[in-house]
PDB file of N, CA and C in Angstrom:
ATOM      1  N   PRO A   1     -28.763  10.977 -33.918  1.00  0.00           N
ATOM      2  CA  PRO A   1     -28.266  10.833 -35.266  1.00  0.00           C
ATOM      3  C   PRO A   1     -29.413  10.942 -36.331  1.00  0.00           C
ATOM      4  N   THR A   2     -29.093  11.624 -37.408  1.00  0.00           N
ATOM      5  CA  THR A   2     -30.119  11.844 -38.458  1.00  0.00           C
ATOM      6  C   THR A   2     -29.757  11.199 -39.800  1.00  0.00           C
ATOM      7  N   PHE A   3     -28.418  10.815 -39.938  1.00  0.00           N
ATOM      8  CA  PHE A   3     -28.030  10.263 -41.221  1.00  0.00           C
ATOM      9  C   PHE A   3     -26.855   9.307 -41.009  1.00  0.00           C
ATOM     10  N   ILE A   4     -26.939   8.140 -41.624  1.00  0.00           N
ATOM     11  CA  ILE A   4     -25.832   7.108 -41.554  1.00  0.00           C
ATOM     12  C   ILE A   4     -25.516   6.710 -42.962  1.00  0.00           C
ATOM     13  N   LYS A   5     -24.241   6.773 -43.306  1.00  0.00           N
ATOM     14  CA  LYS A   5     -23.711   6.354 -44.584  1.00  0.00           C
ATOM     15  C   LYS A   5     -22.724   5.213 -44.386  1.00  0.00           C
ATOM     16  N   MET A   6     -22.816   4.126 -45.160  1.00  0.00           N
ATOM     17  CA  MET A   6     -21.925   3.003 -45.061  1.00  0.00           C
ATOM     18  C   MET A   6     -21.378   2.515 -46.370  1.00  0.00           C
ATOM     19  N   ASP A   7     -20.080   2.416 -46.446  1.00  0.00           N
ATOM     20  CA  ASP A   7     -19.382   1.744 -47.585  1.00  0.00           C
ATOM     21  C   ASP A   7     -18.236   1.032 -46.937  1.00  0.00           C
ATOM     22  N   ILE A   8     -18.495  -0.132 -46.361  1.00  0.00           N
ATOM     23  CA  ILE A   8     -17.461  -0.839 -45.515  1.00  0.00           C
ATOM     24  C   ILE A   8     -17.145  -2.217 -46.042  1.00  0.00           C
ATOM     25  N   GLU A   9     -17.000  -2.279 -47.369  1.00  0.00           N
ATOM     26  CA  GLU A   9     -16.478  -3.419 -48.076  1.00  0.00           C
ATOM     27  C   GLU A   9     -17.150  -4.761 -47.736  1.00  0.00           C
ATOM     28  N   GLY A  10     -18.524  -4.776 -47.727  1.00  0.00           N
ATOM     29  CA  GLY A  10     -19.177  -6.010 -47.516  1.00  0.00           C
ATOM     30  C   GLY A  10     -19.643  -6.317 -46.101  1.00  0.00           C
ATOM     31  N   MET A  11     -19.274  -5.472 -45.205  1.00  0.00           N
ATOM     32  CA  MET A  11     -19.631  -5.739 -43.787  1.00  0.00           C
ATOM     33  C   MET A  11     -20.813  -4.870 -43.358  1.00  0.00           C
ATOM     34  N   GLU A  12     -21.595  -4.367 -44.262  1.00  0.00           N
ATOM     35  CA  GLU A  12     -22.720  -3.473 -44.008  1.00  0.00           C
ATOM     36  C   GLU A  12     -23.755  -4.161 -43.121  1.00  0.00           C
ATOM     37  N   ILE A  13     -24.115  -5.405 -43.418  1.00  0.00           N
ATOM     38  CA  ILE A  13     -25.104  -6.148 -42.688  1.00  0.00           C
ATOM     39  C   ILE A  13     -24.689  -6.261 -41.179  1.00  0.00           C
ATOM     40  N   GLU A  14     -23.478  -6.618 -40.940  1.00  0.00           N
ATOM     41  CA  GLU A  14     -22.966  -6.776 -39.553  1.00  0.00           C
ATOM     42  C   GLU A  14     -23.036  -5.445 -38.854  1.00  0.00           C
ATOM     43  N   ALA A  15     -22.604  -4.329 -39.547  1.00  0.00           N
ATOM     44  CA  ALA A  15     -22.641  -2.990 -38.930  1.00  0.00           C
ATOM     45  C   ALA A  15     -24.104  -2.576 -38.694  1.00  0.00           C
ATOM     46  N   LEU A  16     -25.024  -2.830 -39.599  1.00  0.00           N
ATOM     47  CA  LEU A  16     -26.396  -2.472 -39.358  1.00  0.00           C
ATOM     48  C   LEU A  16     -26.951  -3.266 -38.201  1.00  0.00           C
ATOM     49  N   ARG A  17     -26.645  -4.529 -38.005  1.00  0.00           N
ATOM     50  CA  ARG A  17     -27.116  -5.214 -36.935  1.00  0.00           C
ATOM     51  C   ARG A  17     -26.587  -4.633 -35.622  1.00  0.00           C
ATOM     52  N   GLY A  18     -25.382  -4.122 -35.610  1.00  0.00           N
ATOM     53  CA  GLY A  18     -24.821  -3.411 -34.456  1.00  0.00           C
ATOM     54  C   GLY A  18     -25.502  -2.085 -34.127  1.00  0.00           C
ATOM     55  N   ALA A  19     -26.042  -1.504 -35.182  1.00  0.00           N
ATOM     56  CA  ALA A  19     -26.751  -0.198 -35.074  1.00  0.00           C
ATOM     57  C   ALA A  19     -28.281  -0.378 -34.896  1.00  0.00           C
ATOM     58  N   GLN A  20     -28.730  -1.605 -34.719  1.00  0.00           N
ATOM     59  CA  GLN A  20     -30.200  -1.885 -34.738  1.00  0.00           C
ATOM     60  C   GLN A  20     -30.957  -0.990 -33.733  1.00  0.00           C
ATOM     61  N   LYS A  21     -30.445  -0.920 -32.504  1.00  0.00           N
ATOM     62  CA  LYS A  21     -31.200  -0.115 -31.514  1.00  0.00           C
ATOM     63  C   LYS A  21     -31.282   1.343 -31.921  1.00  0.00           C
ATOM     64  N   LEU A  22     -30.195   1.855 -32.433  1.00  0.00           N
ATOM     65  CA  LEU A  22     -30.180   3.259 -32.835  1.00  0.00           C
ATOM     66  C   LEU A  22     -31.202   3.458 -34.012  1.00  0.00           C
ATOM     67  N   ILE A  23     -31.247   2.556 -34.965  1.00  0.00           N
ATOM     68  CA  ILE A  23     -32.148   2.675 -36.094  1.00  0.00           C
ATOM     69  C   ILE A  23     -33.561   2.558 -35.634  1.00  0.00           C
ATOM     70  N   ARG A  24     -33.903   1.629 -34.774  1.00  0.00           N
ATOM     71  CA  ARG A  24     -35.239   1.454 -34.245  1.00  0.00           C
ATOM     72  C   ARG A  24     -35.716   2.712 -33.543  1.00  0.00           C
ATOM     73  N   GLU A  25     -34.887   3.280 -32.749  1.00  0.00           N
ATOM     74  CA  GLU A  25     -35.283   4.448 -31.881  1.00  0.00           C
ATOM     75  C   GLU A  25     -35.321   5.780 -32.612  1.00  0.00           C
ATOM     76  N   HIS A  26     -34.364   5.974 -33.562  1.00  0.00           N
ATOM     77  CA  HIS A  26     -34.181   7.328 -34.153  1.00  0.00           C
ATOM     78  C   HIS A  26     -34.546   7.405 -35.599  1.00  0.00           C
ATOM     79  N   HIS A  27     -34.705   6.310 -36.302  1.00  0.00           N
ATOM     80  CA  HIS A  27     -35.017   6.304 -37.757  1.00  0.00           C
ATOM     81  C   HIS A  27     -34.239   7.278 -38.584  1.00  0.00           C
ATOM     82  N   PRO A  28     -32.864   7.132 -38.498  1.00  0.00           N
ATOM     83  CA  PRO A  28     -32.056   8.054 -39.319  1.00  0.00           C
ATOM     84  C   PRO A  28     -32.206   7.736 -40.804  1.00  0.00           C
ATOM     85  N   GLN A  29     -31.960   8.755 -41.620  1.00  0.00           N
ATOM     86  CA  GLN A  29     -31.862   8.503 -43.081  1.00  0.00           C
ATOM     87  C   GLN A  29     -30.539   7.692 -43.291  1.00  0.00           C
ATOM     88  N   LEU A  30     -30.663   6.772 -44.301  1.00  0.00           N
ATOM     89  CA  LEU A  30     -29.531   5.881 -44.475  1.00  0.00           C
ATOM     90  C   LEU A  30     -29.118   5.867 -45.963  1.00  0.00           C
ATOM     91  N   ALA A  31     -27.841   5.751 -46.168  1.00  0.00           N
ATOM     92  CA  ALA A  31     -27.237   5.543 -47.494  1.00  0.00           C
ATOM     93  C   ALA A  31     -26.288   4.388 -47.373  1.00  0.00           C
ATOM     94  N   ILE A  32     -26.620   3.175 -47.820  1.00  0.00           N
ATOM     95  CA  ILE A  32     -25.868   1.931 -47.560  1.00  0.00           C
ATOM     96  C   ILE A  32     -25.433   1.333 -48.931  1.00  0.00           C
ATOM     97  N   CYS A  33     -24.149   1.113 -49.131  1.00  0.00           N
ATOM     98  CA  CYS A  33     -23.658   0.506 -50.315  1.00  0.00           C
ATOM     99  C   CYS A  33     -24.055  -0.947 -50.307  1.00  0.00           C
ATOM    100  N   VAL A  34     -24.532  -1.414 -51.536  1.00  0.00           N
ATOM    101  CA  VAL A  34     -25.016  -2.851 -51.606  1.00  0.00           C
ATOM    102  C   VAL A  34     -24.354  -3.529 -52.789  1.00  0.00           C
ATOM    103  N   TYR A  35     -23.189  -3.057 -53.283  1.00  0.00           N
ATOM    104  CA  TYR A  35     -22.585  -3.688 -54.430  1.00  0.00           C
ATOM    105  C   TYR A  35     -21.463  -4.661 -54.089  1.00  0.00           C
ATOM    106  N   HIS A  36     -21.108  -4.821 -52.793  1.00  0.00           N
ATOM    107  CA  HIS A  36     -20.013  -5.708 -52.484  1.00  0.00           C
ATOM    108  C   HIS A  36     -20.506  -7.165 -52.523  1.00  0.00           C
ATOM    109  N   ASP A  37     -21.796  -7.457 -52.338  1.00  0.00           N
ATOM    110  CA  ASP A  37     -22.323  -8.797 -52.382  1.00  0.00           C
ATOM    111  C   ASP A  37     -23.735  -8.620 -52.995  1.00  0.00           C
ATOM    112  N   MET A  38     -23.945  -9.299 -54.109  1.00  0.00           N
ATOM    113  CA  MET A  38     -25.185  -9.123 -54.893  1.00  0.00           C
ATOM    114  C   MET A  38     -26.405  -9.381 -54.020  1.00  0.00           C
ATOM    115  N   SER A  39     -26.374 -10.253 -53.012  1.00  0.00           N
ATOM    116  CA  SER A  39     -27.575 -10.481 -52.208  1.00  0.00           C
ATOM    117  C   SER A  39     -27.877  -9.297 -51.296  1.00  0.00           C
ATOM    118  N   HIS A  40     -26.945  -8.380 -51.135  1.00  0.00           N
ATOM    119  CA  HIS A  40     -27.215  -7.184 -50.298  1.00  0.00           C
ATOM    120  C   HIS A  40     -28.281  -6.311 -50.885  1.00  0.00           C
ATOM    121  N   ILE A  41     -28.472  -6.396 -52.227  1.00  0.00           N
ATOM    122  CA  ILE A  41     -29.510  -5.584 -52.905  1.00  0.00           C
ATOM    123  C   ILE A  41     -30.872  -5.845 -52.238  1.00  0.00           C
ATOM    124  N   TRP A  42     -31.159  -7.063 -51.832  1.00  0.00           N
ATOM    125  CA  TRP A  42     -32.476  -7.321 -51.196  1.00  0.00           C
ATOM    126  C   TRP A  42     -32.332  -7.574 -49.731  1.00  0.00           C
ATOM    127  N   ARG A  43     -31.186  -8.089 -49.232  1.00  0.00           N
ATOM    128  CA  ARG A  43     -31.019  -8.451 -47.817  1.00  0.00           C
ATOM    129  C   ARG A  43     -31.047  -7.210 -46.932  1.00  0.00           C
ATOM    130  N   ILE A  44     -30.319  -6.124 -47.417  1.00  0.00           N
ATOM    131  CA  ILE A  44     -30.250  -4.952 -46.594  1.00  0.00           C
ATOM    132  C   ILE A  44     -31.599  -4.239 -46.465  1.00  0.00           C
ATOM    133  N   PRO A  45     -32.286  -3.983 -47.536  1.00  0.00           N
ATOM    134  CA  PRO A  45     -33.652  -3.399 -47.308  1.00  0.00           C
ATOM    135  C   PRO A  45     -34.618  -4.256 -46.438  1.00  0.00           C
ATOM    136  N   LEU A  46     -34.549  -5.601 -46.603  1.00  0.00           N
ATOM    137  CA  LEU A  46     -35.380  -6.433 -45.726  1.00  0.00           C
ATOM    138  C   LEU A  46     -34.967  -6.319 -44.296  1.00  0.00           C
ATOM    139  N   LEU A  47     -33.650  -6.276 -44.026  1.00  0.00           N
ATOM    140  CA  LEU A  47     -33.214  -6.091 -42.638  1.00  0.00           C
ATOM    141  C   LEU A  47     -33.645  -4.787 -42.074  1.00  0.00           C
ATOM    142  N   LEU A  48     -33.500  -3.727 -42.839  1.00  0.00           N
ATOM    143  CA  LEU A  48     -33.882  -2.391 -42.321  1.00  0.00           C
ATOM    144  C   LEU A  48     -35.412  -2.331 -42.159  1.00  0.00           C
ATOM    145  N   ARG A  49     -36.200  -3.041 -42.970  1.00  0.00           N
ATOM    146  CA  ARG A  49     -37.693  -3.075 -42.775  1.00  0.00           C
ATOM    147  C   ARG A  49     -37.979  -3.786 -41.471  1.00  0.00           C
ATOM    148  N   GLU A  50     -37.184  -4.778 -41.056  1.00  0.00           N
ATOM    149  CA  GLU A  50     -37.387  -5.386 -39.713  1.00  0.00           C
ATOM    150  C   GLU A  50     -37.165  -4.424 -38.623  1.00  0.00           C
ATOM    151  N   PHE A  51     -36.166  -3.564 -38.794  1.00  0.00           N
ATOM    152  CA  PHE A  51     -35.790  -2.586 -37.732  1.00  0.00           C
ATOM    153  C   PHE A  51     -36.859  -1.494 -37.614  1.00  0.00           C
ATOM    154  N   TYR A  52     -37.341  -1.043 -38.794  1.00  0.00           N
ATOM    155  CA  TYR A  52     -38.320   0.030 -38.825  1.00  0.00           C
ATOM    156  C   TYR A  52     -39.157  -0.024 -40.081  1.00  0.00           C
ATOM    157  N   GLY A  53     -40.467  -0.365 -39.971  1.00  0.00           N
ATOM    158  CA  GLY A  53     -41.321  -0.571 -41.082  1.00  0.00           C
ATOM    159  C   GLY A  53     -41.663   0.695 -41.853  1.00  0.00           C
ATOM    160  N   GLY A  54     -41.320   1.837 -41.379  1.00  0.00           N
ATOM    161  CA  GLY A  54     -41.746   3.093 -42.016  1.00  0.00           C
ATOM    162  C   GLY A  54     -40.752   3.667 -43.005  1.00  0.00           C
ATOM    163  N   TYR A  55     -39.715   2.884 -43.368  1.00  0.00           N
ATOM    164  CA  TYR A  55     -38.733   3.334 -44.355  1.00  0.00           C
ATOM    165  C   TYR A  55     -39.294   3.219 -45.772  1.00  0.00           C
ATOM    166  N   ARG A  56     -38.926   4.188 -46.617  1.00  0.00           N
ATOM    167  CA  ARG A  56     -39.113   4.138 -48.113  1.00  0.00           C
ATOM    168  C   ARG A  56     -37.718   3.873 -48.658  1.00  0.00           C
ATOM    169  N   PHE A  57     -37.603   3.048 -49.685  1.00  0.00           N
ATOM    170  CA  PHE A  57     -36.337   2.695 -50.197  1.00  0.00           C
ATOM    171  C   PHE A  57     -36.164   3.155 -51.630  1.00  0.00           C
ATOM    172  N   TYR A  58     -34.932   3.580 -51.907  1.00  0.00           N
ATOM    173  CA  TYR A  58     -34.541   3.978 -53.281  1.00  0.00           C
ATOM    174  C   TYR A  58     -33.254   3.353 -53.610  1.00  0.00           C
ATOM    175  N   LEU A  59     -33.054   2.903 -54.798  1.00  0.00           N
ATOM    176  CA  LEU A  59     -31.815   2.319 -55.200  1.00  0.00           C
ATOM    177  C   LEU A  59     -31.227   3.087 -56.361  1.00  0.00           C
ATOM    178  N   ARG A  60     -29.956   3.507 -56.144  1.00  0.00           N
ATOM    179  CA  ARG A  60     -29.269   4.300 -57.189  1.00  0.00           C
ATOM    180  C   ARG A  60     -27.911   3.702 -57.560  1.00  0.00           C
ATOM    181  N   ASN A  61     -27.664   3.703 -58.799  1.00  0.00           N
ATOM    182  CA  ASN A  61     -26.300   3.223 -59.275  1.00  0.00           C
ATOM    183  C   ASN A  61     -25.492   4.402 -59.849  1.00  0.00           C
ATOM    184  N   TYR A  62     -24.299   4.558 -59.376  1.00  0.00           N
ATOM    185  CA  TYR A  62     -23.465   5.668 -59.769  1.00  0.00           C
ATOM    186  C   TYR A  62     -22.369   5.300 -60.843  1.00  0.00           C
ATOM    187  N   GLN A  63     -22.396   4.069 -61.221  1.00  0.00           N
ATOM    188  CA  GLN A  63     -21.422   3.615 -62.219  1.00  0.00           C
ATOM    189  C   GLN A  63     -21.968   2.408 -62.946  1.00  0.00           C
ATOM    190  N   TYR A  64     -21.661   2.239 -64.237  1.00  0.00           N
ATOM    191  CA  TYR A  64     -22.187   1.144 -64.989  1.00  0.00           C
ATOM    192  C   TYR A  64     -21.648  -0.181 -64.451  1.00  0.00           C
ATOM    193  N   MET A  65     -22.303  -1.254 -64.828  1.00  0.00           N
ATOM    194  CA  MET A  65     -21.897  -2.637 -64.415  1.00  0.00           C
ATOM    195  C   MET A  65     -22.236  -2.950 -62.979  1.00  0.00           C
ATOM    196  N   GLY A  66     -23.083  -2.205 -62.283  1.00  0.00           N
ATOM    197  CA  GLY A  66     -23.517  -2.498 -60.966  1.00  0.00           C
ATOM    198  C   GLY A  66     -22.596  -2.048 -59.835  1.00  0.00           C
ATOM    199  N   LEU A  67     -21.492  -1.396 -60.245  1.00  0.00           N
ATOM    200  CA  LEU A  67     -20.593  -0.935 -59.218  1.00  0.00           C
ATOM    201  C   LEU A  67     -21.140   0.385 -58.657  1.00  0.00           C
ATOM    202  N   GLU A  68     -20.827   0.662 -57.363  1.00  0.00           N
ATOM    203  CA  GLU A  68     -21.184   1.882 -56.712  1.00  0.00           C
ATOM    204  C   GLU A  68     -22.716   1.999 -56.670  1.00  0.00           C
ATOM    205  N   THR A  69     -23.428   0.960 -56.229  1.00  0.00           N
ATOM    206  CA  THR A  69     -24.840   0.924 -56.037  1.00  0.00           C
ATOM    207  C   THR A  69     -25.152   1.206 -54.589  1.00  0.00           C
ATOM    208  N   VAL A  70     -26.060   2.076 -54.369  1.00  0.00           N
ATOM    209  CA  VAL A  70     -26.413   2.541 -53.036  1.00  0.00           C
ATOM    210  C   VAL A  70     -27.940   2.404 -52.775  1.00  0.00           C
ATOM    211  N   VAL A  71     -28.334   1.842 -51.638  1.00  0.00           N
ATOM    212  CA  VAL A  71     -29.730   1.859 -51.311  1.00  0.00           C
ATOM    213  C   VAL A  71     -29.922   3.011 -50.259  1.00  0.00           C
ATOM    214  N   TYR A  72     -30.966   3.801 -50.521  1.00  0.00           N
ATOM    215  CA  TYR A  72     -31.269   4.883 -49.594  1.00  0.00           C
ATOM    216  C   TYR A  72     -32.568   4.547 -48.854  1.00  0.00           C
ATOM    217  N   ALA A  73     -32.560   4.852 -47.581  1.00  0.00           N
ATOM    218  CA  ALA A  73     -33.812   4.575 -46.811  1.00  0.00           C
ATOM    219  C   ALA A  73     -34.195   5.914 -46.109  1.00  0.00           C
ATOM    220  N   PHE A  74     -35.395   6.331 -46.316  1.00  0.00           N
ATOM    221  CA  PHE A  74     -35.953   7.493 -45.666  1.00  0.00           C
ATOM    222  C   PHE A  74     -37.195   7.172 -44.930  1.00  0.00           C
ATOM    223  N   ALA A  75     -37.259   7.725 -43.687  1.00  0.00           N
ATOM    224  CA  ALA A  75     -38.413   7.421 -42.853  1.00  0.00           C
ATOM    225  C   ALA A  75     -39.639   8.200 -43.299  1.00  0.00           C
ATOM    226  N   ASP A  76     -40.763   7.601 -43.366  1.00  0.00           N
ATOM    227  CA  ASP A  76     -42.033   8.256 -43.718  1.00  0.00           C
ATOM    228  C   ASP A  76     -42.320   9.311 -42.745  1.00  0.00           C
ATOM    229  N   GLY A  77     -42.643  10.494 -43.248  1.00  0.00           N
ATOM    230  CA  GLY A  77     -43.068  11.617 -42.415  1.00  0.00           C
ATOM    231  C   GLY A  77     -42.001  12.241 -41.592  1.00  0.00           C
ATOM    232  N   GLU A  78     -40.743  11.933 -41.814  1.00  0.00           N
ATOM    233  CA  GLU A  78     -39.678  12.511 -41.033  1.00  0.00           C
ATOM    234  C   GLU A  78     -38.709  13.195 -41.946  1.00  0.00           C
TER     235      GLU A  78
END
């Protein structure tokens, strides 16, 4: 796998934990929604950093008021 996108209504952390082995081994690019729970803005990048320390993170909002906010993770050198 080279790319994972998640918008699963607040269950992103649980799904990422389930994909931990895949993320550690393959370092796919990620697009993970973080607007369902405000703490996901920092919890998801911290969790992904535990899985693979070579990710660079970008945060993008596609709508005003914090809705439709996505964190992107790209592996260094890949």
